[in-house]
Amino acid sequence: MPRNAYKFETEVRPGGKLELAVPIPEGSRVEVLVITQETDDFEDLVNAAASSTDFWDNPIDDAEWNYA
């Protein structure tokens, strides 16, 4: 029997409860795997670094590296 994977993101409610509405028929047997998300303290730095590469696109820098 083929297995399908679904990904849902939610928050843990009081008492450690999770509540999800899933597209699976009632009475189906499922296996639940819970993976916690770590707080990414560097997300803003990654976004800033990836937002622009114009800094590297300049003729002076290109000339210096071509003769390195």
Protein backbone atom coordinates (compact mmCIF):
# COMPACT_ATOMS: atom_id res chain seq x y z
CA MET A 1 0.00 0.00 0.00
CA PRO A 2 1.45 3.42 -0.94
CA ARG A 3 2.22 5.82 1.89
CA ASN A 4 1.56 9.54 1.69
CA ALA A 5 3.34 12.22 3.70
CA TYR A 6 1.71 15.46 4.79
CA LYS A 7 3.41 18.41 6.43
CA PHE A 8 1.57 20.69 8.83
CA GLU A 9 2.88 23.50 11.01
CA THR A 10 1.01 24.34 14.18
CA GLU A 11 1.55 25.45 17.75
CA VAL A 12 1.25 23.29 20.83
CA ARG A 13 -1.82 24.24 22.83
CA PRO A 14 -2.17 24.23 26.61
CA GLY A 15 -1.72 20.79 28.07
CA GLY A 16 0.57 19.75 25.21
CA LYS A 17 -2.32 19.30 22.77
CA LEU A 18 -2.10 19.50 18.99
CA GLU A 19 -5.13 20.07 16.80
CA LEU A 20 -5.08 19.47 13.05
CA ALA A 21 -7.64 19.05 10.32
CA VAL A 22 -6.24 16.48 7.89
CA PRO A 23 -7.38 15.30 4.45
CA ILE A 24 -7.50 11.65 5.57
CA PRO A 25 -10.64 9.53 5.88
CA GLU A 26 -12.02 9.01 9.38
CA GLY A 27 -10.87 5.74 10.93
CA SER A 28 -7.61 5.61 8.95
CA ARG A 29 -4.56 4.49 10.88
CA VAL A 30 -1.74 7.04 10.90
CA GLU A 31 1.73 7.43 12.35
CA VAL A 32 2.59 10.80 13.88
CA LEU A 33 6.13 12.18 14.03
CA VAL A 34 6.67 15.46 15.89
CA ILE A 35 9.76 17.55 15.11
CA THR A 36 10.31 20.78 17.02
CA GLN A 37 11.39 23.90 15.16
CA GLU A 38 14.44 25.67 16.50
CA THR A 39 14.48 29.43 16.72
CA ASP A 40 16.71 30.78 13.97
CA ASP A 41 18.61 33.72 15.44
CA PHE A 42 20.43 34.26 12.13
CA GLU A 43 17.45 34.42 9.79
CA ASP A 44 17.72 38.21 9.39
CA LEU A 45 21.43 37.93 8.52
CA VAL A 46 20.81 35.19 5.97
CA ASN A 47 18.04 37.24 4.37
CA ALA A 48 20.27 40.31 4.21
CA ALA A 49 23.14 38.35 2.67
CA ALA A 50 20.90 36.76 0.06
CA SER A 51 18.96 39.90 -0.79
CA SER A 52 21.62 41.52 -2.96
CA THR A 53 24.75 40.42 -4.74
CA ASP A 54 25.33 43.82 -6.38
CA PHE A 55 28.28 44.37 -4.04
CA TRP A 56 30.22 41.64 -5.86
CA ASP A 57 29.37 42.95 -9.32
CA ASN A 58 31.89 45.75 -9.77
CA PRO A 59 34.70 46.18 -12.30
CA ILE A 60 37.42 47.10 -9.78
CA ASP A 61 36.90 43.93 -7.78
CA ASP A 62 36.77 41.86 -10.97
CA ALA A 63 40.07 43.34 -12.18
CA GLU A 64 41.79 42.66 -8.84
CA TRP A 65 40.69 39.04 -8.77
CA ASN A 66 41.62 38.44 -12.41
CA TYR A 67 45.26 39.30 -11.59
CA ALA A 68 45.40 37.49 -8.25
